[in-house]
Protein backbone atom coordinates (compact mmCIF):
# COMPACT_ATOMS: atom_id res chain seq x y z
CA MET A 1 21.11 11.39 -9.64
CA ASN A 2 22.86 13.59 -7.20
CA LYS A 3 25.04 12.55 -4.29
CA VAL A 4 22.60 13.88 -1.69
CA PHE A 5 19.86 11.58 -2.95
CA MET A 6 22.19 8.61 -3.24
CA THR A 7 23.59 9.19 0.25
CA GLY A 8 20.06 9.47 1.61
CA TYR A 9 19.08 6.19 0.00
CA TYR A 10 22.09 4.38 1.50
CA GLN A 11 21.52 5.94 4.92
CA GLY A 12 17.82 5.09 4.76
CA VAL A 13 18.62 1.42 4.27
CA VAL A 14 21.00 1.54 7.23
CA GLU A 15 18.40 3.20 9.44
CA VAL A 16 15.54 0.80 8.67
CA ALA A 17 17.56 -2.43 8.67
CA PRO A 18 16.42 -4.96 11.26
CA ALA A 19 18.14 -4.43 14.62
CA SER A 20 19.05 -8.11 14.81
CA LEU A 21 21.55 -7.74 11.96
CA SER A 22 25.18 -7.10 12.82
CA ALA A 23 26.79 -3.88 11.65
CA ALA A 24 28.65 -5.80 8.94
CA LYS A 25 25.41 -7.35 7.66
CA VAL A 26 23.66 -3.97 7.69
CA GLU A 27 26.49 -2.53 5.62
CA GLU A 28 26.28 -5.42 3.16
CA LEU A 29 22.51 -4.97 2.87
CA ALA A 30 22.90 -1.23 2.27
CA ILE A 31 25.62 -1.81 -0.32
CA THR A 32 23.64 -4.41 -2.26
CA MET A 33 20.43 -2.40 -2.19
CA THR A 34 22.20 0.77 -3.27
CA ILE A 35 24.01 -1.01 -6.11
CA GLN A 36 20.75 -2.53 -7.32
CA HIS A 37 18.88 0.76 -7.09
CA LEU A 38 21.56 2.72 -8.93
CA ARG A 39 22.02 0.05 -11.60
CA HIS A 40 18.27 0.18 -12.28
CA ALA A 41 18.60 3.96 -12.56
CA GLY A 42 21.17 3.45 -15.31
CA MET A 43 24.31 4.56 -13.51
CA LYS A 44 27.66 3.23 -14.68
CA VAL A 45 29.38 0.64 -12.51
CA SER A 46 32.43 2.88 -12.09
CA MET A 47 30.29 5.74 -10.78
CA ILE A 48 28.50 3.46 -8.32
CA HIS A 49 31.83 2.05 -7.12
CA ASP A 50 33.38 5.49 -6.65
CA PHE A 51 30.31 6.79 -4.84
CA LEU A 52 30.18 3.88 -2.40
CA VAL A 53 33.92 3.64 -1.76
CA LEU A 54 35.03 7.27 -1.95
CA ASP A 55 31.95 9.21 -0.82
CA ILE A 56 30.19 6.80 1.53
CA GLN A 57 33.42 5.03 2.53
CA ALA A 58 31.73 1.64 2.34
CA ASN A 59 33.77 -1.52 2.64
CA GLU A 60 35.55 -1.76 -0.72
CA ARG A 61 35.82 -5.55 -0.52
CA LEU A 62 32.03 -5.84 -0.22
CA VAL A 63 31.45 -3.31 -2.99
CA ASN A 64 33.79 -5.19 -5.32
CA ARG A 65 32.18 -8.52 -4.45
CA HIS A 66 28.67 -7.33 -5.37
CA ILE A 67 29.13 -4.58 -7.98
CA ASN A 68 29.15 -6.83 -11.05
CA ASP A 69 26.79 -9.51 -9.77
CA ASP A 70 23.35 -8.15 -10.71
CA ASP A 71 21.80 -11.61 -10.76
CA GLN A 72 22.66 -12.31 -7.14
CA LEU A 73 21.87 -8.95 -5.50
CA GLU A 74 18.29 -9.87 -4.63
CA THR A 75 19.39 -13.30 -3.38
CA VAL A 76 21.96 -11.74 -1.05
CA GLN A 77 19.40 -9.24 0.24
CA ALA A 78 16.84 -12.00 0.83
CA LYS A 79 19.36 -14.11 2.76
CA LEU A 80 20.39 -11.18 4.93
CA LEU A 81 16.80 -10.26 5.75
CA SER A 82 15.84 -13.88 6.31
CA SER A 83 18.68 -14.30 8.79
CA ALA A 84 17.48 -11.22 10.68
CA PHE A 85 13.97 -12.56 11.05
CA THR A 86 15.14 -16.10 11.84
CA LYS A 87 17.15 -14.72 14.76
CA ARG A 88 14.06 -12.93 16.06
CA GLY A 89 11.98 -16.09 15.93
CA TYR A 90 9.65 -14.98 13.12
CA ILE A 91 10.85 -17.71 10.78
CA LYS A 92 11.57 -21.23 11.94
């Protein structure tokens, strides 16, 4: 995969994230979704890390927290999205 595609994927997540999420939560959602997508595409962890931290300039602490935790990526994403819709009154 090339950097243009990967950057577009990350930016796409940022652009379509629910408006009720804070900037920090949007970044965490974009990081976790990008990690999951690139892991499924077979990219090495070191390449994903370098792309997110060096090219995208994502929060390195968040990248490091989620990069090796494949089992929890979907759970984190679900919690972030759930919190966005709970704030908007869609989920009680």
